[in-house]
N, C-alpha and C. Protein backbone atom coordinates (compact mmCIF):
# COMPACT_ATOMS: atom_id res chain seq x y z
N UNK A 1 -1.00 22.57 -3.33
CA UNK A 1 -0.28 21.26 -2.98
C UNK A 1 -1.22 19.98 -3.46
N UNK A 2 -2.58 20.24 -3.59
CA UNK A 2 -3.31 19.25 -4.08
C UNK A 2 -3.26 17.77 -3.42
N UNK A 3 -3.05 17.84 -2.12
CA UNK A 3 -2.83 16.64 -1.43
C UNK A 3 -4.10 15.68 -1.07
N UNK A 4 -5.33 16.31 -1.35
CA UNK A 4 -6.53 15.66 -1.24
C UNK A 4 -7.29 15.54 -2.51
N UNK A 5 -6.55 15.90 -3.61
CA UNK A 5 -7.28 15.63 -4.88
C UNK A 5 -6.71 14.43 -5.61
N UNK A 6 -7.75 13.73 -6.22
CA UNK A 6 -7.24 12.61 -7.13
C UNK A 6 -6.23 13.14 -8.38
N UNK A 7 -5.37 12.28 -8.62
CA UNK A 7 -4.54 12.55 -9.81
C UNK A 7 -5.14 12.33 -10.96
N UNK A 8 -6.26 11.76 -11.07
CA UNK A 8 -7.15 11.52 -12.34
C UNK A 8 -7.96 12.73 -12.65
N UNK A 9 -8.09 13.71 -11.50
CA UNK A 9 -8.80 15.00 -11.71
C UNK A 9 -10.18 14.82 -11.30
N UNK A 10 -10.81 13.70 -11.17
CA UNK A 10 -12.05 13.45 -10.67
C UNK A 10 -12.33 12.12 -9.98
N UNK A 11 -13.21 11.74 -9.31
CA UNK A 11 -13.67 10.48 -8.89
C UNK A 11 -13.83 9.59 -9.88
N UNK A 12 -13.98 8.20 -9.56
CA UNK A 12 -14.11 7.28 -10.65
C UNK A 12 -15.29 7.36 -11.52
N UNK A 13 -15.20 7.42 -12.84
CA UNK A 13 -16.39 7.51 -13.65
C UNK A 13 -16.65 8.97 -13.90
N UNK A 14 -15.82 10.04 -13.22
CA UNK A 14 -16.15 11.41 -13.64
C UNK A 14 -16.97 11.98 -12.44
N UNK A 15 -17.21 11.09 -11.34
CA UNK A 15 -17.76 11.69 -10.25
C UNK A 15 -17.11 12.53 -9.39
N UNK A 16 -17.53 13.29 -8.35
CA UNK A 16 -16.77 14.22 -7.41
C UNK A 16 -16.34 13.53 -6.14
N UNK A 17 -16.86 12.17 -6.13
CA UNK A 17 -16.80 11.51 -4.69
C UNK A 17 -15.76 10.52 -4.70
N UNK A 18 -15.08 10.79 -3.63
CA UNK A 18 -13.80 9.71 -3.38
C UNK A 18 -13.43 9.99 -1.92
N UNK A 19 -12.58 9.11 -1.50
CA UNK A 19 -12.15 9.39 -0.04
C UNK A 19 -10.48 9.29 -0.09
N UNK A 20 -10.07 10.20 0.77
CA UNK A 20 -8.57 10.24 0.97
C UNK A 20 -8.31 10.08 2.60
N UNK A 21 -7.38 9.45 2.90
CA UNK A 21 -6.90 9.16 4.32
C UNK A 21 -5.74 9.78 4.37
N UNK A 22 -5.69 10.44 5.66
CA UNK A 22 -4.09 11.01 6.17
C UNK A 22 -4.01 10.53 7.71
N UNK A 23 -2.78 9.82 7.65
CA UNK A 23 -2.32 9.47 8.92
C UNK A 23 -0.62 9.26 8.94
N UNK A 24 -0.21 9.16 10.12
CA UNK A 24 1.20 9.05 10.24
C UNK A 24 1.81 7.61 10.57
N UNK A 25 0.68 6.96 11.00
CA UNK A 25 0.96 5.59 11.46
C UNK A 25 0.16 4.35 10.25
N UNK A 26 1.20 3.63 9.68
CA UNK A 26 0.68 2.68 8.55
C UNK A 26 -0.48 1.82 9.26
N UNK A 27 -1.57 1.55 8.66
CA UNK A 27 -2.62 0.94 9.29
C UNK A 27 -3.61 1.54 10.03
N UNK A 28 -3.35 2.84 10.28
CA UNK A 28 -4.34 3.39 11.12
C UNK A 28 -5.55 3.87 10.27
N UNK A 29 -5.44 4.10 8.93
CA UNK A 29 -6.81 4.37 8.37
C UNK A 29 -7.32 3.08 8.22
N UNK A 30 -8.60 3.21 8.47
CA UNK A 30 -9.49 1.96 8.66
C UNK A 30 -10.77 2.27 8.08
N UNK A 31 -11.41 1.16 7.71
CA UNK A 31 -12.98 1.29 7.19
C UNK A 31 -13.70 0.30 8.05
N UNK A 32 -14.61 0.30 8.61
CA UNK A 32 -15.32 -0.41 9.50
C UNK A 32 -16.70 -0.97 8.46
N UNK A 33 -16.86 -2.21 8.13
CA UNK A 33 -18.07 -2.57 7.20
C UNK A 33 -19.19 -2.65 8.08
N UNK A 34 -20.37 -2.43 7.64
CA UNK A 34 -21.68 -2.64 8.37
C UNK A 34 -21.89 -3.96 8.48
N UNK A 35 -22.52 -4.64 9.45
CA UNK A 35 -22.87 -5.89 9.56
C UNK A 35 -23.46 -6.53 8.21
N UNK A 36 -22.84 -7.79 8.15
CA UNK A 36 -23.52 -8.50 6.92
C UNK A 36 -22.86 -8.03 5.54
N UNK A 37 -22.03 -7.00 5.62
CA UNK A 37 -21.55 -6.67 4.11
C UNK A 37 -20.08 -7.08 4.13
N UNK A 38 -19.64 -7.20 2.80
CA UNK A 38 -18.29 -7.66 2.37
C UNK A 38 -17.85 -6.46 1.32
N UNK A 39 -16.53 -6.53 0.86
CA UNK A 39 -16.16 -5.84 -0.13
C UNK A 39 -15.49 -6.68 -1.05
N UNK A 40 -15.96 -6.54 -2.36
CA UNK A 40 -15.35 -7.53 -3.33
C UNK A 40 -14.12 -6.85 -4.24
N UNK A 41 -14.27 -5.56 -4.28
CA UNK A 41 -13.12 -4.66 -4.97
C UNK A 41 -13.30 -3.35 -4.63
N UNK A 42 -12.08 -2.58 -5.04
CA UNK A 42 -12.31 -1.19 -4.76
C UNK A 42 -11.42 -0.47 -5.82
N UNK A 43 -11.69 0.63 -6.16
CA UNK A 43 -10.80 1.46 -7.14
C UNK A 43 -9.84 2.46 -6.41
N UNK A 44 -8.88 2.38 -6.94
CA UNK A 44 -7.74 3.13 -6.02
C UNK A 44 -6.86 4.00 -7.20
N UNK A 45 -6.53 5.26 -6.72
CA UNK A 45 -5.68 5.92 -7.48
C UNK A 45 -4.50 6.76 -6.64
N UNK A 46 -3.66 7.43 -7.17
CA UNK A 46 -2.95 8.40 -6.39
C UNK A 46 -3.49 9.67 -6.09
N UNK A 47 -2.93 10.27 -5.24
CA UNK A 47 -3.46 11.80 -5.04
C UNK A 47 -2.41 12.50 -5.84
N UNK A 48 -2.91 13.83 -6.21
CA UNK A 48 -2.01 14.62 -7.07
C UNK A 48 -0.68 14.87 -6.61
N UNK A 49 -0.82 15.12 -5.26
CA UNK A 49 0.24 15.53 -4.51
C UNK A 49 1.51 14.27 -4.53
N UNK A 50 0.90 12.92 -4.39
CA UNK A 50 1.98 11.88 -4.43
C UNK A 50 2.41 11.75 -5.46
N UNK A 51 1.55 11.71 -6.59
CA UNK A 51 2.01 11.39 -7.88
C UNK A 51 3.11 12.59 -8.64
N UNK A 52 2.67 13.73 -8.39
CA UNK A 52 3.86 14.75 -8.57
C UNK A 52 4.94 14.78 -7.83
N UNK A 53 5.00 14.18 -6.67
CA UNK A 53 6.12 14.00 -5.87
C UNK A 53 7.05 13.02 -6.45
N UNK A 54 6.36 11.92 -6.87
CA UNK A 54 7.20 10.76 -7.53
C UNK A 54 7.52 11.09 -8.82
N UNK A 55 6.83 11.82 -9.67
CA UNK A 55 7.25 12.12 -10.93
C UNK A 55 8.60 13.19 -11.00
N UNK A 56 8.37 14.07 -10.13
CA UNK A 56 9.22 15.25 -10.12
C UNK A 56 10.48 15.32 -9.00
N UNK A 57 10.00 14.66 -7.84
CA UNK A 57 10.87 14.98 -6.61
C UNK A 57 10.31 16.27 -6.00
N UNK A 58 10.57 16.32 -4.69
CA UNK A 58 10.26 17.35 -3.81
C UNK A 58 11.16 17.42 -2.68
N UNK A 59 10.82 18.27 -1.72
CA UNK A 59 11.69 18.51 -0.55
C UNK A 59 11.62 17.11 0.37
N UNK A 60 10.70 16.34 0.06
CA UNK A 60 10.29 15.14 1.11
C UNK A 60 10.99 13.88 0.39
N UNK A 61 11.28 13.79 -1.00
CA UNK A 61 11.44 12.70 -1.73
C UNK A 61 12.08 12.93 -2.88
N UNK A 62 13.07 12.10 -3.52
CA UNK A 62 13.61 12.23 -4.92
C UNK A 62 12.61 11.81 -5.85
N UNK A 63 13.07 12.22 -7.23
CA UNK A 63 12.13 11.69 -8.22
C UNK A 63 12.40 10.02 -8.26
N UNK A 64 11.32 9.59 -8.52
CA UNK A 64 11.25 8.00 -8.57
C UNK A 64 12.32 7.64 -9.70
N UNK A 65 13.04 6.70 -9.74
CA UNK A 65 13.93 6.30 -10.69
C UNK A 65 15.35 6.91 -10.60
N UNK A 66 15.28 8.10 -9.76
CA UNK A 66 16.58 8.71 -9.55
C UNK A 66 16.97 9.46 -10.78
N UNK A 67 18.31 10.07 -10.96
CA UNK A 67 18.44 10.79 -12.17
C UNK A 67 18.69 9.91 -13.52
N UNK A 68 19.16 8.53 -13.16
CA UNK A 68 19.46 7.69 -14.23
C UNK A 68 18.07 6.96 -14.63
N UNK A 69 17.05 7.03 -13.76
CA UNK A 69 15.77 6.19 -13.98
C UNK A 69 15.96 4.75 -13.52
N UNK A 70 17.14 4.24 -12.97
CA UNK A 70 17.28 3.14 -12.74
C UNK A 70 16.97 2.64 -11.09
N UNK A 71 16.80 3.77 -10.26
CA UNK A 71 16.89 3.47 -9.01
C UNK A 71 15.30 2.72 -8.74
N UNK A 72 15.39 1.49 -8.06
CA UNK A 72 14.28 0.70 -7.74
C UNK A 72 13.29 1.20 -6.76
N UNK A 73 12.46 2.13 -6.95
CA UNK A 73 11.83 2.86 -6.25
C UNK A 73 10.39 2.24 -6.43
N UNK A 74 9.57 2.26 -5.24
CA UNK A 74 8.01 1.78 -5.24
C UNK A 74 7.36 2.55 -4.30
N UNK A 75 6.01 2.52 -4.37
CA UNK A 75 4.95 3.17 -3.43
C UNK A 75 3.85 1.98 -3.37
N UNK A 76 3.64 1.38 -2.26
CA UNK A 76 2.94 0.20 -2.12
C UNK A 76 1.80 0.61 -1.04
N UNK A 77 0.53 0.17 -1.58
CA UNK A 77 -0.67 0.17 -0.68
C UNK A 77 -0.80 -1.31 -0.25
N UNK A 78 -0.95 -1.50 0.96
CA UNK A 78 -1.48 -2.83 1.59
C UNK A 78 -2.74 -2.80 2.19
N UNK A 79 -3.64 -3.35 1.83
CA UNK A 79 -5.00 -3.49 2.43
C UNK A 79 -5.26 -4.85 3.17
N UNK A 80 -5.26 -4.43 4.43
CA UNK A 80 -5.35 -5.62 5.51
C UNK A 80 -6.69 -5.78 6.11
N UNK A 81 -7.39 -7.23 5.84
CA UNK A 81 -8.72 -7.47 6.21
C UNK A 81 -8.52 -7.94 7.71
N UNK A 82 -9.54 -7.42 8.41
CA UNK A 82 -9.63 -7.90 10.05
C UNK A 82 -10.89 -8.33 10.33
N UNK A 83 -10.93 -9.28 11.15
CA UNK A 83 -12.32 -9.60 11.80
C UNK A 83 -12.53 -9.06 12.89
N UNK A 84 -13.74 -9.35 13.76
CA UNK A 84 -14.10 -8.61 14.78
C UNK A 84 -13.38 -8.57 15.91
N UNK A 85 -12.29 -9.54 16.01
CA UNK A 85 -11.39 -9.54 17.35
C UNK A 85 -10.07 -8.96 16.66
N UNK A 86 -10.07 -8.29 15.50
CA UNK A 86 -8.91 -7.53 14.88
C UNK A 86 -7.75 -8.74 14.56
N UNK A 87 -8.30 -9.78 14.15
CA UNK A 87 -7.09 -10.85 13.73
C UNK A 87 -7.40 -10.77 12.12
N UNK A 88 -6.04 -10.68 11.64
CA UNK A 88 -5.78 -10.71 10.06
C UNK A 88 -6.72 -11.73 9.52
N UNK A 89 -7.49 -11.60 8.38
CA UNK A 89 -8.04 -12.60 7.56
C UNK A 89 -7.35 -12.82 6.13
N UNK A 90 -6.22 -11.96 6.05
CA UNK A 90 -5.54 -11.80 4.83
C UNK A 90 -5.14 -10.15 4.29
N UNK A 91 -4.45 -10.13 3.39
CA UNK A 91 -4.00 -9.03 2.70
C UNK A 91 -3.95 -8.84 1.37
N UNK A 92 -4.09 -7.82 0.79
CA UNK A 92 -4.14 -7.40 -0.64
C UNK A 92 -2.98 -6.33 -0.88
N UNK A 93 -1.93 -6.55 -1.83
CA UNK A 93 -0.97 -5.50 -2.07
C UNK A 93 -1.31 -4.93 -3.45
N UNK A 94 -1.01 -3.48 -3.34
CA UNK A 94 -1.45 -2.86 -4.89
C UNK A 94 -0.32 -1.77 -4.84
N UNK A 95 0.60 -1.86 -6.02
CA UNK A 95 1.33 -0.84 -6.10
C UNK A 95 0.99 0.48 -6.82
N UNK A 96 1.11 1.51 -6.26
CA UNK A 96 0.54 2.81 -6.60
C UNK A 96 1.72 3.38 -7.71
N UNK A 97 2.85 2.77 -7.33
CA UNK A 97 3.96 3.10 -8.47
C UNK A 97 5.14 2.06 -8.21
N UNK A 98 5.68 1.84 -9.37
CA UNK A 98 6.76 0.67 -9.23
C UNK A 98 7.85 0.74 -10.27
N UNK A 99 9.00 1.15 -9.95
CA UNK A 99 10.13 1.51 -10.66
C UNK A 99 11.06 0.56 -10.53
N UNK A 100 10.85 -0.89 -10.24
CA UNK A 100 11.56 -1.86 -9.86
C UNK A 100 11.95 -2.79 -11.15
N UNK A 101 11.52 -2.42 -12.25
CA UNK A 101 11.77 -3.32 -13.13
C UNK A 101 13.05 -3.25 -13.95
N UNK A 102 13.67 -4.23 -14.55
CA UNK A 102 14.96 -4.24 -15.35
C UNK A 102 15.04 -3.24 -16.38
N UNK A 103 13.55 -3.41 -17.16
CA UNK A 103 13.31 -2.47 -18.37
C UNK A 103 12.62 -1.29 -17.89
N UNK A 104 13.11 0.00 -18.02
CA UNK A 104 12.73 1.17 -17.31
C UNK A 104 11.19 1.59 -18.15
N UNK A 105 10.87 1.00 -19.31
CA UNK A 105 9.83 1.29 -19.87
C UNK A 105 8.70 0.58 -19.32
N UNK A 106 8.85 -0.28 -18.29
CA UNK A 106 7.88 -0.99 -17.42
C UNK A 106 7.50 -0.02 -16.37
N UNK A 107 8.45 0.84 -15.87
CA UNK A 107 8.01 1.64 -14.74
C UNK A 107 6.82 2.43 -14.81
N UNK A 108 6.04 2.61 -13.81
CA UNK A 108 4.63 3.24 -13.72
C UNK A 108 4.41 4.06 -12.61
N UNK A 109 3.64 4.96 -12.58
CA UNK A 109 2.89 5.73 -11.50
C UNK A 109 1.47 5.54 -11.88
N UNK A 110 0.65 5.09 -11.08
CA UNK A 110 -0.95 4.85 -11.39
C UNK A 110 -1.48 6.26 -11.69
N UNK A 111 -2.29 6.37 -12.81
CA UNK A 111 -2.74 7.62 -13.31
C UNK A 111 -4.35 7.51 -13.45
N UNK A 112 -4.79 6.21 -13.16
CA UNK A 112 -6.16 6.01 -13.17
C UNK A 112 -6.91 5.54 -12.24
N UNK A 113 -8.34 5.08 -12.20
CA UNK A 113 -8.66 4.52 -11.08
C UNK A 113 -8.68 3.05 -11.41
N UNK A 114 -7.75 2.40 -10.77
CA UNK A 114 -7.42 0.88 -11.07
C UNK A 114 -8.27 -0.03 -10.05
N UNK A 115 -8.85 -0.80 -10.55
CA UNK A 115 -9.68 -1.73 -9.97
C UNK A 115 -8.88 -2.84 -9.11
N UNK A 116 -9.09 -3.10 -7.66
CA UNK A 116 -8.12 -3.82 -6.93
C UNK A 116 -9.21 -4.90 -6.34
N UNK A 117 -8.87 -6.16 -6.78
CA UNK A 117 -9.69 -7.45 -6.18
C UNK A 117 -9.53 -7.53 -4.72
N UNK A 118 -10.54 -7.56 -3.92
CA UNK A 118 -10.51 -7.84 -2.67
C UNK A 118 -11.11 -8.91 -2.20
N UNK A 119 -11.57 -9.76 -3.05
CA UNK A 119 -12.27 -10.88 -2.71
C UNK A 119 -11.77 -12.05 -1.63
N UNK A 120 -10.41 -11.99 -1.60
CA UNK A 120 -9.66 -12.72 -0.64
C UNK A 120 -9.97 -12.11 0.77
N UNK A 121 -10.53 -10.97 0.88
CA UNK A 121 -10.87 -10.42 2.40
C UNK A 121 -12.35 -10.42 2.69
N UNK A 122 -13.02 -11.24 2.01
CA UNK A 122 -14.50 -11.39 2.23
C UNK A 122 -15.05 -11.55 3.57
N UNK A 123 -14.11 -12.36 4.43
CA UNK A 123 -14.43 -12.52 5.76
C UNK A 123 -14.07 -11.40 6.71
N UNK A 124 -13.71 -10.20 6.22
CA UNK A 124 -13.10 -9.11 6.92
C UNK A 124 -14.37 -8.18 7.31
N UNK A 125 -14.24 -7.63 8.69
CA UNK A 125 -15.54 -6.88 8.95
C UNK A 125 -14.96 -5.32 9.10
N UNK A 126 -13.35 -5.30 8.73
CA UNK A 126 -12.69 -3.99 8.88
C UNK A 126 -11.64 -4.13 7.87
N UNK A 127 -11.38 -3.04 7.08
CA UNK A 127 -10.08 -2.96 6.25
C UNK A 127 -9.27 -1.94 6.75
N UNK A 128 -7.79 -2.08 7.12
CA UNK A 128 -6.98 -1.28 7.41
C UNK A 128 -6.03 -1.02 5.94
N UNK A 129 -5.55 0.31 5.90
CA UNK A 129 -4.74 0.59 4.78
C UNK A 129 -3.67 1.26 5.23
N UNK A 130 -2.24 0.62 4.70
CA UNK A 130 -1.07 1.14 4.95
C UNK A 130 -0.09 1.21 3.96
N UNK A 131 0.64 2.49 3.69
CA UNK A 131 1.41 2.75 2.70
C UNK A 131 2.96 2.64 3.02
N UNK A 132 3.50 2.20 2.10
CA UNK A 132 5.11 1.75 2.37
C UNK A 132 5.67 2.19 1.05
N UNK A 133 7.10 3.00 0.96
CA UNK A 133 7.70 3.39 0.06
C UNK A 133 9.21 3.36 0.17
N UNK A 134 9.84 3.15 -1.05
CA UNK A 134 11.34 3.20 -0.95
C UNK A 134 11.85 4.56 -0.69
N UNK A 135 10.99 5.45 -0.60
CA UNK A 135 11.53 6.89 -0.44
C UNK A 135 10.86 7.45 0.85
């Protein structure tokens, strides 16, 4: 199944280190930052399981783009920054896959460790992660 493996085959830069979260409720996956720390950026990729599901379809979802390739599918990660009182200080969206383009040659499924700028969330003491999808 490879549900916990990175689609890239390794962690960023060839390391074996990376994190995977599993939750049924969007936003339940959370990282609490140590006092005085902020996060400027993060590297993100798909799990092998998610990428293969989007590429080929499976019992849970159809192939992204559908049979024609024209279905406007997407897989979106939203990173929410929260302060000590759990009030939002902002959010950053990152598409792990996007098939909503009029030109299908622009459709993509992330297959590398992409750098995501989190500088808008510098005031956050916690980061929560939520996934949404067309499928």
